[in-house]
């Protein structure tokens, strides 16, 4: 008798339990208030924030305005990953490149030093072909710092960038954007 009473209750509760576990997947605007914040990784909005801050600061500095042949030609060089995770630095450099191109202040090119980019460039120069050398190179580093106190964890990502004048061999601009995230880690994981 008890089984006959319990069975309808379980059957009625099962759909509510199953739907309670479902998610409402939907599109969100990058940078809106529905951002997912992860303590242990760099999110797409972190790259966007770092790139936007760097471009705004770089353009405001006027460093790109002092070239003989405007717009400035900027070579996007290596971004060193000093974090505990595998990072695709193109998520940062592509956003910077797009913003600089749209500003009209710079043209960009990317050289993969591992793919003999400089060797090819030197061969062109030796063949007396007209090749414009970059006015500047942009390089950088992403650094991760983790602090813990009890169950609270704070992760800070520092996006450091340097603009070097290729003719003078000096840095003409440096920028840094720090992005800090803090929260508690659950003691029970899935």
N, C-alpha and C. Protein backbone atom coordinates (compact mmCIF):
# COMPACT_ATOMS: atom_id res chain seq x y z
N UNK A 1 0.82 -1.19 0.00
CA UNK A 1 0.00 0.00 0.00
C UNK A 1 0.87 1.26 0.00
N UNK A 2 1.92 1.23 0.84
CA UNK A 2 2.81 2.38 0.88
C UNK A 2 3.50 2.59 -0.46
N UNK A 3 3.82 1.48 -1.13
CA UNK A 3 4.48 1.57 -2.43
C UNK A 3 3.55 2.22 -3.44
N UNK A 4 2.27 1.91 -3.39
CA UNK A 4 1.30 2.49 -4.31
C UNK A 4 1.18 3.99 -4.10
N UNK A 5 1.32 4.47 -2.88
CA UNK A 5 1.25 5.91 -2.59
C UNK A 5 2.54 6.63 -3.00
N UNK A 6 3.68 5.98 -2.77
CA UNK A 6 4.96 6.60 -3.08
C UNK A 6 5.23 6.69 -4.58
N UNK A 7 4.80 5.72 -5.31
CA UNK A 7 5.07 5.69 -6.75
C UNK A 7 4.48 6.90 -7.48
N UNK A 8 3.23 7.29 -7.26
CA UNK A 8 2.71 8.49 -7.93
C UNK A 8 3.44 9.77 -7.50
N UNK A 9 3.86 9.84 -6.24
CA UNK A 9 4.60 11.01 -5.76
C UNK A 9 5.96 11.11 -6.45
N UNK A 10 6.64 10.01 -6.58
CA UNK A 10 7.94 9.99 -7.25
C UNK A 10 7.76 10.36 -8.72
N UNK A 11 6.72 9.82 -9.36
CA UNK A 11 6.46 10.11 -10.77
C UNK A 11 6.14 11.59 -10.97
N UNK A 12 5.44 12.21 -10.03
CA UNK A 12 5.10 13.63 -10.13
C UNK A 12 6.32 14.50 -9.87
N UNK A 13 7.21 14.09 -8.98
CA UNK A 13 8.38 14.89 -8.62
C UNK A 13 9.51 14.76 -9.63
N UNK A 14 9.58 13.67 -10.36
CA UNK A 14 10.69 13.44 -11.31
C UNK A 14 10.81 14.54 -12.36
N UNK A 15 9.74 14.96 -13.02
CA UNK A 15 9.90 16.03 -14.02
C UNK A 15 10.40 17.34 -13.41
N UNK A 16 9.96 17.65 -12.19
CA UNK A 16 10.43 18.87 -11.54
C UNK A 16 11.92 18.76 -11.22
N UNK A 17 12.38 17.63 -10.81
CA UNK A 17 13.80 17.42 -10.50
C UNK A 17 14.64 17.52 -11.76
N UNK A 18 14.18 16.89 -12.83
CA UNK A 18 14.93 16.89 -14.09
C UNK A 18 14.99 18.30 -14.67
N UNK A 19 13.86 19.03 -14.67
CA UNK A 19 13.88 20.39 -15.20
C UNK A 19 14.64 21.33 -14.29
N UNK A 20 14.71 21.05 -13.04
CA UNK A 20 15.49 21.88 -12.11
C UNK A 20 16.97 21.85 -12.44
N UNK A 21 17.44 20.81 -13.08
CA UNK A 21 18.85 20.68 -13.43
C UNK A 21 19.15 21.27 -14.81
N UNK A 22 18.12 21.59 -15.59
CA UNK A 22 18.34 22.11 -16.93
C UNK A 22 18.84 23.55 -16.88
N UNK A 23 19.55 23.96 -17.93
CA UNK A 23 20.03 25.33 -18.00
C UNK A 23 19.29 26.07 -19.09
N UNK A 24 19.22 27.36 -18.94
CA UNK A 24 18.59 28.22 -19.93
C UNK A 24 19.70 28.87 -20.75
N UNK A 25 20.19 28.17 -21.76
CA UNK A 25 21.29 28.68 -22.58
C UNK A 25 20.77 29.82 -23.45
N UNK A 26 21.57 30.89 -23.52
CA UNK A 26 21.19 32.04 -24.35
C UNK A 26 22.44 32.86 -24.68
N UNK A 27 22.34 33.69 -25.70
CA UNK A 27 23.45 34.56 -26.09
C UNK A 27 23.51 35.76 -25.15
N UNK A 28 24.73 36.21 -24.88
CA UNK A 28 24.93 37.42 -24.08
C UNK A 28 25.91 38.32 -24.82
N UNK A 29 25.81 39.59 -24.57
CA UNK A 29 26.76 40.55 -25.13
C UNK A 29 28.06 40.47 -24.35
N UNK A 30 29.19 40.44 -25.07
CA UNK A 30 30.48 40.47 -24.39
C UNK A 30 30.59 41.78 -23.64
N UNK A 31 30.93 41.70 -22.38
CA UNK A 31 31.09 42.91 -21.57
C UNK A 31 29.83 43.34 -20.85
N UNK A 32 28.74 42.58 -20.95
CA UNK A 32 27.53 42.99 -20.25
C UNK A 32 27.54 42.49 -18.81
N UNK A 33 26.44 42.74 -18.10
CA UNK A 33 26.40 42.39 -16.68
C UNK A 33 26.27 40.90 -16.41
N UNK A 34 26.06 40.07 -17.44
CA UNK A 34 25.93 38.64 -17.27
C UNK A 34 27.24 37.89 -17.49
N UNK A 35 28.37 38.56 -17.25
CA UNK A 35 29.67 37.93 -17.47
C UNK A 35 29.90 36.79 -16.48
N UNK A 36 30.57 35.76 -16.96
CA UNK A 36 30.99 34.66 -16.10
C UNK A 36 32.40 35.01 -15.61
N UNK A 37 32.59 35.00 -14.32
CA UNK A 37 33.89 35.33 -13.76
C UNK A 37 34.50 34.05 -13.20
N UNK A 38 35.64 33.64 -13.75
CA UNK A 38 36.34 32.45 -13.26
C UNK A 38 37.61 32.88 -12.58
N UNK A 39 37.86 32.35 -11.40
CA UNK A 39 39.06 32.71 -10.67
C UNK A 39 40.32 32.13 -11.30
N UNK A 40 40.23 30.96 -11.85
CA UNK A 40 41.42 30.26 -12.30
C UNK A 40 41.75 30.38 -13.77
N UNK A 41 41.12 31.31 -14.48
CA UNK A 41 41.44 31.44 -15.90
C UNK A 41 41.14 32.85 -16.39
N UNK A 42 41.77 33.20 -17.51
CA UNK A 42 41.53 34.48 -18.15
C UNK A 42 40.31 34.30 -19.06
N UNK A 43 39.32 35.18 -18.90
CA UNK A 43 38.10 35.12 -19.70
C UNK A 43 38.22 36.07 -20.89
N UNK A 44 37.32 35.92 -21.85
CA UNK A 44 37.32 36.76 -23.04
C UNK A 44 37.16 38.22 -22.67
N UNK A 45 36.38 38.53 -21.64
CA UNK A 45 36.22 39.92 -21.24
C UNK A 45 37.50 40.48 -20.63
N UNK A 46 38.36 39.63 -20.06
CA UNK A 46 39.65 40.09 -19.54
C UNK A 46 40.55 40.55 -20.68
N UNK A 47 40.57 39.76 -21.76
CA UNK A 47 41.35 40.16 -22.93
C UNK A 47 40.83 41.48 -23.50
N UNK A 48 39.51 41.59 -23.61
CA UNK A 48 38.91 42.81 -24.16
C UNK A 48 39.23 44.01 -23.29
N UNK A 49 39.11 43.87 -21.97
CA UNK A 49 39.41 44.98 -21.06
C UNK A 49 40.88 45.39 -21.15
N UNK A 50 41.78 44.42 -21.19
CA UNK A 50 43.21 44.71 -21.27
C UNK A 50 43.55 45.38 -22.59
N UNK A 51 43.01 44.87 -23.70
CA UNK A 51 43.29 45.45 -25.02
C UNK A 51 42.73 46.87 -25.12
N UNK A 52 41.50 47.08 -24.67
CA UNK A 52 40.90 48.41 -24.72
C UNK A 52 41.69 49.43 -23.90
N UNK A 53 42.10 49.03 -22.70
CA UNK A 53 42.89 49.93 -21.86
C UNK A 53 44.23 50.26 -22.49
N UNK A 54 44.88 49.26 -23.08
CA UNK A 54 46.19 49.46 -23.70
C UNK A 54 46.09 50.40 -24.90
N UNK A 55 45.13 50.16 -25.77
CA UNK A 55 44.97 50.99 -26.97
C UNK A 55 44.62 52.42 -26.59
N UNK A 56 43.72 52.58 -25.65
CA UNK A 56 43.32 53.93 -25.21
C UNK A 56 44.53 54.69 -24.67
N UNK A 57 45.32 54.02 -23.84
CA UNK A 57 46.51 54.66 -23.24
C UNK A 57 47.57 54.94 -24.31
N UNK A 58 47.78 53.99 -25.21
CA UNK A 58 48.78 54.16 -26.27
C UNK A 58 48.42 55.32 -27.20
N UNK A 59 47.18 55.39 -27.63
CA UNK A 59 46.76 56.48 -28.51
C UNK A 59 46.83 57.83 -27.81
N UNK A 60 46.47 57.87 -26.53
CA UNK A 60 46.52 59.12 -25.76
C UNK A 60 47.96 59.60 -25.54
N UNK A 61 48.92 58.68 -25.55
CA UNK A 61 50.33 59.05 -25.31
C UNK A 61 50.93 59.84 -26.47
N UNK A 62 50.38 59.68 -27.66
CA UNK A 62 50.91 60.37 -28.83
C UNK A 62 52.17 59.72 -29.41
N UNK A 63 52.58 58.60 -28.89
CA UNK A 63 53.81 57.93 -29.34
C UNK A 63 53.74 57.54 -30.81
N UNK A 64 52.57 57.22 -31.32
CA UNK A 64 52.43 56.80 -32.71
C UNK A 64 52.40 57.98 -33.69
N UNK A 65 52.31 59.20 -33.16
CA UNK A 65 52.18 60.39 -34.00
C UNK A 65 53.52 60.89 -34.55
N UNK A 66 54.62 60.43 -34.01
CA UNK A 66 55.93 60.98 -34.35
C UNK A 66 56.70 60.07 -35.31
N UNK A 67 56.12 59.82 -36.47
CA UNK A 67 56.79 59.00 -37.49
C UNK A 67 56.90 59.82 -38.77
N UNK A 68 57.94 59.55 -39.54
CA UNK A 68 58.18 60.29 -40.77
C UNK A 68 57.15 59.97 -41.85
N UNK A 69 56.62 58.74 -41.81
CA UNK A 69 55.73 58.28 -42.87
C UNK A 69 54.43 57.74 -42.27
N UNK A 70 53.49 58.62 -41.84
CA UNK A 70 52.27 58.12 -41.20
C UNK A 70 51.40 57.33 -42.18
N UNK A 71 50.57 56.43 -41.70
CA UNK A 71 50.44 55.99 -40.32
C UNK A 71 51.63 55.13 -39.90
N UNK A 72 51.84 55.06 -38.60
CA UNK A 72 52.96 54.27 -38.06
C UNK A 72 52.79 52.81 -38.43
N UNK A 73 53.90 52.15 -38.71
CA UNK A 73 53.88 50.71 -38.95
C UNK A 73 54.35 50.03 -37.68
N UNK A 74 53.47 49.22 -37.12
CA UNK A 74 53.72 48.60 -35.83
C UNK A 74 53.77 47.08 -36.00
N UNK A 75 54.84 46.48 -35.56
CA UNK A 75 54.98 45.02 -35.61
C UNK A 75 54.58 44.44 -34.27
N UNK A 76 53.58 43.56 -34.30
CA UNK A 76 53.14 42.89 -33.08
C UNK A 76 54.08 41.72 -32.84
N UNK A 77 54.84 41.81 -31.78
CA UNK A 77 55.85 40.81 -31.48
C UNK A 77 55.32 39.83 -30.44
N UNK A 78 56.19 39.21 -29.75
CA UNK A 78 55.85 38.13 -28.84
C UNK A 78 55.25 38.63 -27.52
N UNK A 79 54.18 37.97 -27.11
CA UNK A 79 53.59 38.19 -25.79
C UNK A 79 53.91 36.94 -24.98
N UNK A 80 54.67 37.11 -23.91
CA UNK A 80 55.11 35.99 -23.07
C UNK A 80 54.01 35.64 -22.08
N UNK A 81 53.73 34.35 -21.97
CA UNK A 81 52.72 33.85 -21.04
C UNK A 81 53.39 33.36 -19.77
N UNK A 82 53.27 34.13 -18.70
CA UNK A 82 53.78 33.72 -17.38
C UNK A 82 52.62 33.40 -16.45
N UNK A 83 51.68 32.60 -16.94
CA UNK A 83 50.55 32.17 -16.12
C UNK A 83 50.59 30.66 -16.00
N UNK A 84 49.73 30.13 -15.17
CA UNK A 84 49.68 28.68 -14.96
C UNK A 84 48.81 27.98 -15.99
N UNK A 85 48.30 28.71 -16.94
CA UNK A 85 47.40 28.13 -17.93
C UNK A 85 47.91 28.34 -19.34
N UNK A 86 47.40 27.54 -20.25
CA UNK A 86 47.74 27.70 -21.64
C UNK A 86 46.90 28.85 -22.18
N UNK A 87 47.57 29.87 -22.73
CA UNK A 87 46.91 31.09 -23.15
C UNK A 87 47.17 31.31 -24.64
N UNK A 88 46.13 31.64 -25.38
CA UNK A 88 46.29 32.03 -26.77
C UNK A 88 46.40 33.54 -26.80
N UNK A 89 47.62 34.06 -26.92
CA UNK A 89 47.86 35.50 -26.85
C UNK A 89 47.27 36.25 -28.04
N UNK A 90 46.87 35.53 -29.10
CA UNK A 90 46.21 36.19 -30.23
C UNK A 90 44.89 36.82 -29.80
N UNK A 91 44.28 36.32 -28.74
CA UNK A 91 43.04 36.93 -28.25
C UNK A 91 43.30 38.36 -27.78
N UNK A 92 44.51 38.65 -27.35
CA UNK A 92 44.89 40.00 -26.94
C UNK A 92 45.41 40.81 -28.12
N UNK A 93 46.38 40.25 -28.85
CA UNK A 93 47.02 41.02 -29.92
C UNK A 93 46.07 41.32 -31.08
N UNK A 94 45.15 40.43 -31.37
CA UNK A 94 44.20 40.69 -32.46
C UNK A 94 43.28 41.85 -32.10
N UNK A 95 42.84 41.90 -30.86
CA UNK A 95 41.98 43.01 -30.44
C UNK A 95 42.74 44.34 -30.51
N UNK A 96 44.02 44.33 -30.13
CA UNK A 96 44.85 45.54 -30.21
C UNK A 96 45.03 45.94 -31.66
N UNK A 97 45.34 44.99 -32.51
CA UNK A 97 45.56 45.26 -33.93
C UNK A 97 44.31 45.86 -34.57
N UNK A 98 43.16 45.30 -34.31
CA UNK A 98 41.91 45.80 -34.89
C UNK A 98 41.66 47.24 -34.45
N UNK A 99 41.82 47.51 -33.17
CA UNK A 99 41.56 48.86 -32.65
C UNK A 99 42.55 49.88 -33.23
N UNK A 100 43.83 49.50 -33.36
CA UNK A 100 44.81 50.43 -33.92
C UNK A 100 44.54 50.70 -35.40
N UNK A 101 44.19 49.67 -36.15
CA UNK A 101 43.85 49.86 -37.56
C UNK A 101 42.63 50.77 -37.71
N UNK A 102 41.63 50.56 -36.88
CA UNK A 102 40.42 51.37 -36.95
C UNK A 102 40.67 52.82 -36.55
N UNK A 103 41.68 53.05 -35.73
CA UNK A 103 42.00 54.43 -35.31
C UNK A 103 42.64 55.23 -36.44
N UNK A 104 43.24 54.54 -37.42
CA UNK A 104 43.93 55.22 -38.50
C UNK A 104 45.33 55.69 -38.13
N UNK A 105 45.75 55.46 -36.89
CA UNK A 105 47.06 55.90 -36.41
C UNK A 105 48.17 54.92 -36.73
N UNK A 106 47.80 53.66 -37.00
CA UNK A 106 48.84 52.64 -37.22
C UNK A 106 48.35 51.55 -38.15
N UNK A 107 49.30 50.98 -38.84
CA UNK A 107 49.10 49.74 -39.57
C UNK A 107 49.88 48.69 -38.78
N UNK A 108 49.43 47.47 -38.82
CA UNK A 108 50.10 46.45 -38.03
C UNK A 108 50.53 45.28 -38.90
N UNK A 109 51.55 44.60 -38.42
CA UNK A 109 51.95 43.34 -39.03
C UNK A 109 52.42 42.44 -37.91
N UNK A 110 52.24 41.16 -38.10
CA UNK A 110 52.64 40.18 -37.11
C UNK A 110 53.77 39.36 -37.68
N UNK A 111 54.81 39.20 -36.90
CA UNK A 111 55.93 38.37 -37.32
C UNK A 111 56.09 37.26 -36.31
N UNK A 112 56.08 36.04 -36.82
CA UNK A 112 56.34 34.88 -35.98
C UNK A 112 57.82 34.58 -36.09
N UNK A 113 58.57 34.94 -35.05
CA UNK A 113 60.02 34.77 -35.08
C UNK A 113 60.42 33.30 -35.29
N UNK A 114 59.59 32.40 -34.85
CA UNK A 114 59.88 30.98 -35.03
C UNK A 114 59.71 30.56 -36.49
N UNK A 115 58.91 31.30 -37.22
CA UNK A 115 58.65 30.95 -38.62
C UNK A 115 59.55 31.74 -39.56
N UNK A 116 60.71 32.10 -39.10
CA UNK A 116 61.75 32.78 -39.88
C UNK A 116 61.27 34.08 -40.52
N UNK A 117 60.42 34.83 -39.81
CA UNK A 117 59.95 36.11 -40.33
C UNK A 117 61.07 37.09 -40.56
N UNK A 118 62.00 37.17 -39.64
CA UNK A 118 63.12 38.09 -39.80
C UNK A 118 64.04 37.64 -40.92
N UNK A 119 64.20 36.34 -41.08
CA UNK A 119 65.05 35.82 -42.14
C UNK A 119 64.47 36.22 -43.50
N UNK A 120 63.15 36.09 -43.67
CA UNK A 120 62.52 36.47 -44.92
C UNK A 120 62.66 37.97 -45.15
N UNK A 121 62.51 38.77 -44.09
CA UNK A 121 62.62 40.21 -44.21
C UNK A 121 64.04 40.60 -44.62
N UNK A 122 65.04 39.96 -44.05
CA UNK A 122 66.44 40.23 -44.38
C UNK A 122 66.73 39.86 -45.83
N UNK A 123 66.17 38.75 -46.29
CA UNK A 123 66.37 38.35 -47.67
C UNK A 123 65.80 39.39 -48.63
N UNK A 124 64.63 39.96 -48.31
CA UNK A 124 64.06 41.00 -49.14
C UNK A 124 64.98 42.21 -49.19
N UNK A 125 65.54 42.60 -48.05
CA UNK A 125 66.42 43.76 -48.00
C UNK A 125 67.69 43.50 -48.81
N UNK A 126 68.21 42.30 -48.73
CA UNK A 126 69.42 41.96 -49.47
C UNK A 126 69.17 41.94 -50.98
N UNK A 127 67.94 41.68 -51.39
CA UNK A 127 67.59 41.67 -52.81
C UNK A 127 67.27 43.08 -53.30
N UNK A 128 67.47 44.09 -52.47
CA UNK A 128 67.24 45.48 -52.82
C UNK A 128 65.77 45.78 -53.11
N UNK A 129 64.87 44.99 -52.59
CA UNK A 129 63.45 45.25 -52.78
C UNK A 129 63.00 46.27 -51.74
N UNK A 130 62.05 47.09 -52.11
CA UNK A 130 61.55 48.12 -51.20
C UNK A 130 60.64 47.49 -50.16
N UNK A 131 61.10 47.44 -48.95
CA UNK A 131 60.31 46.92 -47.84
C UNK A 131 60.38 47.94 -46.72
N UNK A 132 59.23 48.36 -46.25
CA UNK A 132 59.20 49.31 -45.16
C UNK A 132 59.42 48.58 -43.85
N UNK A 133 60.41 49.00 -43.13
CA UNK A 133 60.68 48.42 -41.82
C UNK A 133 59.70 49.02 -40.81
N UNK A 134 59.33 48.27 -39.79
CA UNK A 134 58.38 48.81 -38.81
C UNK A 134 58.99 49.98 -38.03
N UNK A 135 58.13 50.93 -37.72
CA UNK A 135 58.55 52.06 -36.88
C UNK A 135 58.66 51.63 -35.42
N UNK A 136 57.78 50.71 -35.04
CA UNK A 136 57.71 50.26 -33.65
C UNK A 136 57.48 48.76 -33.58
N UNK A 137 57.86 48.17 -32.46
CA UNK A 137 57.48 46.80 -32.14
C UNK A 137 56.72 46.84 -30.81
N UNK A 138 55.69 46.03 -30.72
CA UNK A 138 54.91 45.93 -29.49
C UNK A 138 55.10 44.53 -28.94
N UNK A 139 55.62 44.44 -27.73
CA UNK A 139 55.82 43.14 -27.08
C UNK A 139 55.21 43.23 -25.69
N UNK A 140 55.14 42.09 -25.00
CA UNK A 140 54.54 42.14 -23.68
C UNK A 140 54.62 40.84 -22.93
N UNK A 141 53.92 40.85 -21.82
CA UNK A 141 53.93 39.70 -20.92
C UNK A 141 52.60 39.68 -20.17
N UNK A 142 52.11 38.47 -19.90
CA UNK A 142 50.93 38.28 -19.06
C UNK A 142 51.39 37.53 -17.82
N UNK A 143 51.18 38.13 -16.65
CA UNK A 143 51.66 37.56 -15.39
C UNK A 143 50.46 37.26 -14.49
N UNK A 144 50.51 36.12 -13.83
CA UNK A 144 49.45 35.70 -12.91
C UNK A 144 49.99 35.68 -11.48
N UNK A 145 49.23 36.27 -10.56
CA UNK A 145 49.56 36.23 -9.15
C UNK A 145 48.35 35.70 -8.39
N UNK A 146 48.56 34.70 -7.54
CA UNK A 146 47.46 34.10 -6.78
C UNK A 146 47.73 34.28 -5.29
N UNK A 147 46.73 34.79 -4.56
CA UNK A 147 46.79 34.94 -3.11
C UNK A 147 45.63 34.18 -2.50
N UNK A 148 45.89 33.53 -1.37
CA UNK A 148 44.84 32.77 -0.68
C UNK A 148 44.84 33.13 0.80
N UNK A 149 43.63 33.19 1.35
CA UNK A 149 43.44 33.38 2.78
C UNK A 149 42.22 32.56 3.16
N UNK A 150 42.45 31.41 3.79
CA UNK A 150 41.34 30.51 4.10
C UNK A 150 40.73 29.99 2.82
N UNK A 151 39.41 30.14 2.68
CA UNK A 151 38.75 29.67 1.46
C UNK A 151 38.66 30.78 0.40
N UNK A 152 39.12 31.98 0.72
CA UNK A 152 39.08 33.08 -0.24
C UNK A 152 40.33 33.05 -1.11
N UNK A 153 40.10 33.24 -2.39
CA UNK A 153 41.20 33.22 -3.36
C UNK A 153 41.11 34.48 -4.22
N UNK A 154 42.25 35.10 -4.43
CA UNK A 154 42.32 36.27 -5.32
C UNK A 154 43.36 35.98 -6.39
N UNK A 155 42.97 36.13 -7.65
CA UNK A 155 43.89 35.96 -8.78
C UNK A 155 43.97 37.29 -9.51
N UNK A 156 45.19 37.74 -9.76
CA UNK A 156 45.42 38.99 -10.49
C UNK A 156 46.21 38.67 -11.74
N UNK A 157 45.72 39.15 -12.87
CA UNK A 157 46.42 39.00 -14.14
C UNK A 157 46.93 40.38 -14.54
N UNK A 158 48.23 40.48 -14.76
CA UNK A 158 48.85 41.74 -15.20
C UNK A 158 49.18 41.61 -16.67
N UNK A 159 48.61 42.48 -17.48
CA UNK A 159 48.89 42.53 -18.91
C UNK A 159 49.86 43.70 -19.11
N UNK A 160 51.13 43.40 -19.37
CA UNK A 160 52.16 44.42 -19.53
C UNK A 160 52.58 44.51 -20.99
N UNK A 161 52.60 45.72 -21.53
CA UNK A 161 52.97 45.92 -22.93
C UNK A 161 54.04 47.01 -23.04
N UNK A 162 54.94 46.85 -24.02
CA UNK A 162 56.00 47.82 -24.27
C UNK A 162 56.05 48.13 -25.76
N UNK A 163 56.14 49.41 -26.09
CA UNK A 163 56.29 49.87 -27.47
C UNK A 163 57.72 50.36 -27.64
N UNK A 164 58.44 49.74 -28.57
CA UNK A 164 59.84 50.08 -28.80
C UNK A 164 60.00 50.76 -30.14
N UNK A 165 60.76 51.85 -30.16
CA UNK A 165 61.10 52.56 -31.38
C UNK A 165 62.23 51.78 -32.04
N UNK A 166 62.02 51.26 -33.25
CA UNK A 166 63.02 50.39 -33.89
C UNK A 166 64.23 51.17 -34.39
N UNK A 167 64.08 52.45 -34.67
CA UNK A 167 65.21 53.23 -35.16
C UNK A 167 66.14 53.66 -34.03
N UNK A 168 65.57 54.03 -32.90
CA UNK A 168 66.36 54.48 -31.77
C UNK A 168 66.69 53.37 -30.79
N UNK A 169 65.94 52.28 -30.85
CA UNK A 169 66.18 51.15 -29.95
C UNK A 169 65.79 51.43 -28.52
N UNK A 170 64.79 52.28 -28.32
CA UNK A 170 64.34 52.62 -26.96
C UNK A 170 62.84 52.41 -26.83
N UNK A 171 62.41 52.22 -25.59
CA UNK A 171 60.98 52.11 -25.32
C UNK A 171 60.40 53.52 -25.30
N UNK A 172 59.30 53.70 -26.03
CA UNK A 172 58.66 55.01 -26.06
C UNK A 172 57.30 55.01 -25.36
N UNK A 173 56.83 53.83 -24.98
CA UNK A 173 55.57 53.73 -24.25
C UNK A 173 55.53 52.38 -23.55
N UNK A 174 54.98 52.39 -22.34
CA UNK A 174 54.69 51.14 -21.62
C UNK A 174 53.31 51.28 -20.99
N UNK A 175 52.60 50.18 -20.98
CA UNK A 175 51.28 50.18 -20.37
C UNK A 175 51.06 48.89 -19.59
N UNK A 176 50.23 48.99 -18.56
CA UNK A 176 49.91 47.81 -17.76
C UNK A 176 48.46 47.89 -17.34
N UNK A 177 47.77 46.79 -17.49
CA UNK A 177 46.39 46.67 -17.03
C UNK A 177 46.32 45.47 -16.11
N UNK A 178 45.90 45.68 -14.87
CA UNK A 178 45.73 44.57 -13.93
C UNK A 178 44.25 44.25 -13.80
N UNK A 179 43.96 42.97 -13.84
CA UNK A 179 42.59 42.50 -13.68
C UNK A 179 42.58 41.54 -12.51
N UNK A 180 41.87 41.90 -11.45
CA UNK A 180 41.81 41.08 -10.24
C UNK A 180 40.45 40.43 -10.09
N UNK A 181 40.48 39.18 -9.65
CA UNK A 181 39.25 38.43 -9.40
C UNK A 181 39.35 37.79 -8.02
N UNK A 182 38.27 37.88 -7.26
CA UNK A 182 38.29 37.32 -5.92
C UNK A 182 37.00 36.56 -5.66
N UNK A 183 37.12 35.46 -4.94
CA UNK A 183 35.96 34.66 -4.59
C UNK A 183 36.36 33.51 -3.70
N UNK A 184 35.38 32.69 -3.37
CA UNK A 184 35.67 31.52 -2.55
C UNK A 184 35.52 30.29 -3.42
N UNK A 185 36.38 29.34 -3.16
CA UNK A 185 36.31 28.07 -3.90
C UNK A 185 35.45 27.12 -3.11
N UNK A 186 34.60 26.44 -3.80
CA UNK A 186 33.75 25.44 -3.16
C UNK A 186 34.61 24.28 -2.68
N UNK A 187 34.30 23.76 -1.50
CA UNK A 187 35.07 22.62 -0.99
C UNK A 187 34.60 21.31 -1.63
N UNK A 188 33.43 21.34 -2.27
CA UNK A 188 32.92 20.16 -2.96
C UNK A 188 32.97 20.44 -4.44
N UNK A 189 33.64 19.58 -5.18
CA UNK A 189 33.75 19.79 -6.62
C UNK A 189 33.06 18.67 -7.38
N UNK A 190 32.73 18.96 -8.61
CA UNK A 190 32.10 17.96 -9.49
C UNK A 190 33.01 17.67 -10.63
